[in-house]
Amino acid sequence: MKKNNRVQVILECTEHKKTLLKGTSRYVTTKNKKNTNHRISLKKYNPILKKVTIHKEIK
């Protein structure tokens, strides 16, 4: 049997929490847990703030 090292992770906007706007900006992606064992952060578009922000991995 082949082991599957890819896992799904949820990315959440870090700047959106600081504002008092409703809703959250979240993205679902996959990462290889064997090569990337730390939490990832990517630049993604936030449709509520209408700009590109940093999204960090949440548990």
PDB file of N, CA and C in Angstrom:
ATOM      1  N   MET A   1       0.833  -1.193   0.000  1.00  0.00           N
ATOM      2  CA  MET A   1       0.000   0.000   0.000  1.00  0.00           C
ATOM      3  C   MET A   1       0.869   1.246   0.000  1.00  0.00           C
ATOM      4  N   LYS A   2       0.377   2.258  -0.685  1.00  0.00           N
ATOM      5  CA  LYS A   2       1.096   3.523  -0.783  1.00  0.00           C
ATOM      6  C   LYS A   2       0.602   4.483   0.298  1.00  0.00           C
ATOM      7  N   LYS A   3       1.534   5.110   1.015  1.00  0.00           N
ATOM      8  CA  LYS A   3       1.158   6.091   2.024  1.00  0.00           C
ATOM      9  C   LYS A   3       0.844   7.417   1.350  1.00  0.00           C
ATOM     10  N   ASN A   4      -0.149   8.095   1.841  1.00  0.00           N
ATOM     11  CA  ASN A   4      -0.517   9.394   1.304  1.00  0.00           C
ATOM     12  C   ASN A   4      -0.015  10.471   2.268  1.00  0.00           C
ATOM     13  N   ASN A   5       0.989  11.236   1.841  1.00  0.00           N
ATOM     14  CA  ASN A   5       1.574  12.262   2.698  1.00  0.00           C
ATOM     15  C   ASN A   5       0.888  13.612   2.567  1.00  0.00           C
ATOM     16  N   ARG A   6      -0.044  13.748   1.621  1.00  0.00           N
ATOM     17  CA  ARG A   6      -0.718  15.023   1.425  1.00  0.00           C
ATOM     18  C   ARG A   6      -1.937  15.112   2.344  1.00  0.00           C
ATOM     19  N   VAL A   7      -2.062  16.255   3.023  1.00  0.00           N
ATOM     20  CA  VAL A   7      -3.192  16.488   3.910  1.00  0.00           C
ATOM     21  C   VAL A   7      -3.851  17.810   3.542  1.00  0.00           C
ATOM     22  N   GLN A   8      -5.149  17.908   3.803  1.00  0.00           N
ATOM     23  CA  GLN A   8      -5.871  19.151   3.566  1.00  0.00           C
ATOM     24  C   GLN A   8      -5.650  20.095   4.735  1.00  0.00           C
ATOM     25  N   VAL A   9      -5.426  21.384   4.430  1.00  0.00           N
ATOM     26  CA  VAL A   9      -5.268  22.397   5.462  1.00  0.00           C
ATOM     27  C   VAL A   9      -6.176  23.573   5.135  1.00  0.00           C
ATOM     28  N   ILE A  10      -6.554  24.319   6.163  1.00  0.00           N
ATOM     29  CA  ILE A  10      -7.401  25.498   6.008  1.00  0.00           C
ATOM     30  C   ILE A  10      -6.553  26.729   6.264  1.00  0.00           C
ATOM     31  N   LEU A  11      -6.608  27.686   5.335  1.00  0.00           N
ATOM     32  CA  LEU A  11      -5.889  28.946   5.469  1.00  0.00           C
ATOM     33  C   LEU A  11      -6.896  30.032   5.810  1.00  0.00           C
ATOM     34  N   GLU A  12      -6.585  30.845   6.835  1.00  0.00           N
ATOM     35  CA  GLU A  12      -7.488  31.915   7.256  1.00  0.00           C
ATOM     36  C   GLU A  12      -6.754  33.249   7.232  1.00  0.00           C
ATOM     37  N   CYS A  13      -7.455  34.298   6.846  1.00  0.00           N
ATOM     38  CA  CYS A  13      -6.868  35.630   6.716  1.00  0.00           C
ATOM     39  C   CYS A  13      -6.461  36.164   8.091  1.00  0.00           C
ATOM     40  N   THR A  14      -5.270  36.768   8.171  1.00  0.00           N
ATOM     41  CA  THR A  14      -4.783  37.325   9.427  1.00  0.00           C
ATOM     42  C   THR A  14      -5.237  38.765   9.619  1.00  0.00           C
ATOM     43  N   GLU A  15      -5.402  39.520   8.550  1.00  0.00           N
ATOM     44  CA  GLU A  15      -5.800  40.928   8.655  1.00  0.00           C
ATOM     45  C   GLU A  15      -7.292  41.089   8.916  1.00  0.00           C
ATOM     46  N   HIS A  16      -8.089  40.130   8.498  1.00  0.00           N
ATOM     47  CA  HIS A  16      -9.537  40.243   8.650  1.00  0.00           C
ATOM     48  C   HIS A  16      -9.968  40.194  10.113  1.00  0.00           C
ATOM     49  N   LYS A  17      -9.215  39.481  10.938  1.00  0.00           N
ATOM     50  CA  LYS A  17      -9.548  39.390  12.363  1.00  0.00           C
ATOM     51  C   LYS A  17      -9.439  40.748  13.052  1.00  0.00           C
ATOM     52  N   LYS A  18      -8.538  41.602  12.564  1.00  0.00           N
ATOM     53  CA  LYS A  18      -8.316  42.915  13.180  1.00  0.00           C
ATOM     54  C   LYS A  18      -9.452  43.891  12.897  1.00  0.00           C
ATOM     55  N   THR A  19     -10.169  43.693  11.785  1.00  0.00           N
ATOM     56  CA  THR A  19     -11.292  44.558  11.446  1.00  0.00           C
ATOM     57  C   THR A  19     -12.548  44.040  12.124  1.00  0.00           C
ATOM     58  N   LEU A  20     -13.558  44.865  12.174  1.00  0.00           N
ATOM     59  CA  LEU A  20     -14.822  44.457  12.791  1.00  0.00           C
ATOM     60  C   LEU A  20     -15.845  44.030  11.750  1.00  0.00           C
ATOM     61  N   LEU A  21     -15.389  43.699  10.532  1.00  0.00           N
ATOM     62  CA  LEU A  21     -16.289  43.279   9.475  1.00  0.00           C
ATOM     63  C   LEU A  21     -16.759  41.846   9.708  1.00  0.00           C
ATOM     64  N   LYS A  22     -17.975  41.550   9.253  1.00  0.00           N
ATOM     65  CA  LYS A  22     -18.528  40.211   9.415  1.00  0.00           C
ATOM     66  C   LYS A  22     -17.904  39.253   8.414  1.00  0.00           C
ATOM     67  N   GLY A  23     -17.939  37.970   8.740  1.00  0.00           N
ATOM     68  CA  GLY A  23     -17.448  36.932   7.845  1.00  0.00           C
ATOM     69  C   GLY A  23     -15.963  36.681   8.005  1.00  0.00           C
ATOM     70  N   THR A  24     -15.490  35.653   7.329  1.00  0.00           N
ATOM     71  CA  THR A  24     -14.068  35.325   7.323  1.00  0.00           C
ATOM     72  C   THR A  24     -13.660  34.925   5.916  1.00  0.00           C
ATOM     73  N   SER A  25     -12.402  35.085   5.621  1.00  0.00           N
ATOM     74  CA  SER A  25     -11.852  34.659   4.337  1.00  0.00           C
ATOM     75  C   SER A  25     -11.013  33.418   4.593  1.00  0.00           C
ATOM     76  N   ARG A  26     -11.481  32.277   4.071  1.00  0.00           N
ATOM     77  CA  ARG A  26     -10.774  31.016   4.261  1.00  0.00           C
ATOM     78  C   ARG A  26     -10.599  30.306   2.929  1.00  0.00           C
ATOM     79  N   TYR A  27      -9.482  29.618   2.798  1.00  0.00           N
ATOM     80  CA  TYR A  27      -9.185  28.811   1.623  1.00  0.00           C
ATOM     81  C   TYR A  27      -8.797  27.416   2.087  1.00  0.00           C
ATOM     82  N   VAL A  28      -9.109  26.411   1.282  1.00  0.00           N
ATOM     83  CA  VAL A  28      -8.715  25.034   1.560  1.00  0.00           C
ATOM     84  C   VAL A  28      -7.689  24.640   0.514  1.00  0.00           C
ATOM     85  N   THR A  29      -6.573  24.077   0.969  1.00  0.00           N
ATOM     86  CA  THR A  29      -5.520  23.625   0.069  1.00  0.00           C
ATOM     87  C   THR A  29      -4.899  22.362   0.650  1.00  0.00           C
ATOM     88  N   THR A  30      -3.926  21.808  -0.047  1.00  0.00           N
ATOM     89  CA  THR A  30      -3.233  20.619   0.447  1.00  0.00           C
ATOM     90  C   THR A  30      -1.751  20.916   0.581  1.00  0.00           C
ATOM     91  N   LYS A  31      -1.115  20.202   1.479  1.00  0.00           N
ATOM     92  CA  LYS A  31       0.332  20.311   1.636  1.00  0.00           C
ATOM     93  C   LYS A  31       0.895  18.923   1.903  1.00  0.00           C
ATOM     94  N   ASN A  32       2.168  18.754   1.609  1.00  0.00           N
ATOM     95  CA  ASN A  32       2.856  17.503   1.871  1.00  0.00           C
ATOM     96  C   ASN A  32       3.420  17.574   3.282  1.00  0.00           C
ATOM     97  N   LYS A  33       2.860  16.787   4.201  1.00  0.00           N
ATOM     98  CA  LYS A  33       3.281  16.881   5.608  1.00  0.00           C
ATOM     99  C   LYS A  33       4.679  16.323   5.835  1.00  0.00           C
ATOM    100  N   LYS A  34       5.177  15.524   4.907  1.00  0.00           N
ATOM    101  CA  LYS A  34       6.530  14.988   5.051  1.00  0.00           C
ATOM    102  C   LYS A  34       7.570  16.067   4.736  1.00  0.00           C
ATOM    103  N   ASN A  35       7.332  16.871   3.705  1.00  0.00           N
ATOM    104  CA  ASN A  35       8.272  17.920   3.321  1.00  0.00           C
ATOM    105  C   ASN A  35       8.035  19.233   4.061  1.00  0.00           C
ATOM    106  N   THR A  36       6.787  19.513   4.400  1.00  0.00           N
ATOM    107  CA  THR A  36       6.428  20.769   5.052  1.00  0.00           C
ATOM    108  C   THR A  36       5.728  20.452   6.361  1.00  0.00           C
ATOM    109  N   ASN A  37       6.505  20.275   7.422  1.00  0.00           N
ATOM    110  CA  ASN A  37       5.901  19.903   8.698  1.00  0.00           C
ATOM    111  C   ASN A  37       5.486  21.112   9.530  1.00  0.00           C
ATOM    112  N   HIS A  38       5.886  22.327   9.133  1.00  0.00           N
ATOM    113  CA  HIS A  38       5.475  23.528   9.866  1.00  0.00           C
ATOM    114  C   HIS A  38       4.225  24.119   9.212  1.00  0.00           C
ATOM    115  N   ARG A  39       3.609  25.091   9.869  1.00  0.00           N
ATOM    116  CA  ARG A  39       2.409  25.731   9.339  1.00  0.00           C
ATOM    117  C   ARG A  39       2.775  26.659   8.197  1.00  0.00           C
ATOM    118  N   ILE A  40       1.972  26.659   7.162  1.00  0.00           N
ATOM    119  CA  ILE A  40       2.281  27.464   5.982  1.00  0.00           C
ATOM    120  C   ILE A  40       1.481  28.766   5.996  1.00  0.00           C
ATOM    121  N   SER A  41       1.978  29.757   5.282  1.00  0.00           N
ATOM    122  CA  SER A  41       1.255  31.007   5.081  1.00  0.00           C
ATOM    123  C   SER A  41       1.440  31.422   3.628  1.00  0.00           C
ATOM    124  N   LEU A  42       0.341  31.796   2.995  1.00  0.00           N
ATOM    125  CA  LEU A  42       0.340  32.160   1.594  1.00  0.00           C
ATOM    126  C   LEU A  42      -0.398  33.479   1.404  1.00  0.00           C
ATOM    127  N   LYS A  43      -0.033  34.203   0.350  1.00  0.00           N
ATOM    128  CA  LYS A  43      -0.758  35.415  -0.010  1.00  0.00           C
ATOM    129  C   LYS A  43      -1.944  35.009  -0.874  1.00  0.00           C
ATOM    130  N   LYS A  44      -3.144  35.370  -0.422  1.00  0.00           N
ATOM    131  CA  LYS A  44      -4.370  35.044  -1.137  1.00  0.00           C
ATOM    132  C   LYS A  44      -5.274  36.279  -1.162  1.00  0.00           C
ATOM    133  N   TYR A  45      -6.236  36.278  -2.074  1.00  0.00           N
ATOM    134  CA  TYR A  45      -7.166  37.389  -2.199  1.00  0.00           C
ATOM    135  C   TYR A  45      -8.277  37.276  -1.161  1.00  0.00           C
ATOM    136  N   ASN A  46      -8.545  38.385  -0.470  1.00  0.00           N
ATOM    137  CA  ASN A  46      -9.640  38.457   0.488  1.00  0.00           C
ATOM    138  C   ASN A  46     -10.767  39.248  -0.173  1.00  0.00           C
ATOM    139  N   PRO A  47     -11.890  38.598  -0.522  1.00  0.00           N
ATOM    140  CA  PRO A  47     -12.960  39.307  -1.219  1.00  0.00           C
ATOM    141  C   PRO A  47     -13.691  40.327  -0.354  1.00  0.00           C
ATOM    142  N   ILE A  48     -13.654  40.190   0.955  1.00  0.00           N
ATOM    143  CA  ILE A  48     -14.338  41.138   1.831  1.00  0.00           C
ATOM    144  C   ILE A  48     -13.528  42.435   1.934  1.00  0.00           C
ATOM    145  N   LEU A  49     -12.209  42.322   2.098  1.00  0.00           N
ATOM    146  CA  LEU A  49     -11.341  43.493   2.158  1.00  0.00           C
ATOM    147  C   LEU A  49     -10.953  43.991   0.764  1.00  0.00           C
ATOM    148  N   LYS A  50     -11.184  43.171  -0.250  1.00  0.00           N
ATOM    149  CA  LYS A  50     -10.887  43.485  -1.657  1.00  0.00           C
ATOM    150  C   LYS A  50      -9.414  43.787  -1.891  1.00  0.00           C
ATOM    151  N   LYS A  51      -8.551  42.962  -1.284  1.00  0.00           N
ATOM    152  CA  LYS A  51      -7.112  43.067  -1.514  1.00  0.00           C
ATOM    153  C   LYS A  51      -6.442  41.742  -1.172  1.00  0.00           C
ATOM    154  N   VAL A  52      -5.182  41.615  -1.559  1.00  0.00           N
ATOM    155  CA  VAL A  52      -4.403  40.411  -1.277  1.00  0.00           C
ATOM    156  C   VAL A  52      -3.833  40.532   0.134  1.00  0.00           C
ATOM    157  N   THR A  53      -4.040  39.502   0.937  1.00  0.00           N
ATOM    158  CA  THR A  53      -3.576  39.495   2.322  1.00  0.00           C
ATOM    159  C   THR A  53      -2.868  38.171   2.607  1.00  0.00           C
ATOM    160  N   ILE A  54      -2.239  38.086   3.750  1.00  0.00           N
ATOM    161  CA  ILE A  54      -1.562  36.846   4.162  1.00  0.00           C
ATOM    162  C   ILE A  54      -2.568  35.953   4.862  1.00  0.00           C
ATOM    163  N   HIS A  55      -2.650  34.722   4.407  1.00  0.00           N
ATOM    164  CA  HIS A  55      -3.516  33.716   5.006  1.00  0.00           C
ATOM    165  C   HIS A  55      -2.631  32.655   5.655  1.00  0.00           C
ATOM    166  N   LYS A  56      -2.858  32.384   6.942  1.00  0.00           N
ATOM    167  CA  LYS A  56      -2.060  31.395   7.666  1.00  0.00           C
ATOM    168  C   LYS A  56      -2.881  30.154   7.946  1.00  0.00           C
ATOM    169  N   GLU A  57      -2.182  29.046   8.086  1.00  0.00           N
ATOM    170  CA  GLU A  57      -2.816  27.760   8.357  1.00  0.00           C
ATOM    171  C   GLU A  57      -3.384  27.731   9.767  1.00  0.00           C
ATOM    172  N   ILE A  58      -4.624  27.249   9.892  1.00  0.00           N
ATOM    173  CA  ILE A  58      -5.229  27.066  11.201  1.00  0.00           C
ATOM    174  C   ILE A  58      -5.422  25.575  11.439  1.00  0.00           C
ATOM    175  N   LYS A  59      -5.642  25.202  12.675  1.00  0.00           N
ATOM    176  CA  LYS A  59      -5.809  23.791  13.004  1.00  0.00           C
ATOM    177  C   LYS A  59      -7.215  23.336  12.715  1.00  0.00           C
TER     178      LYS A  59
END
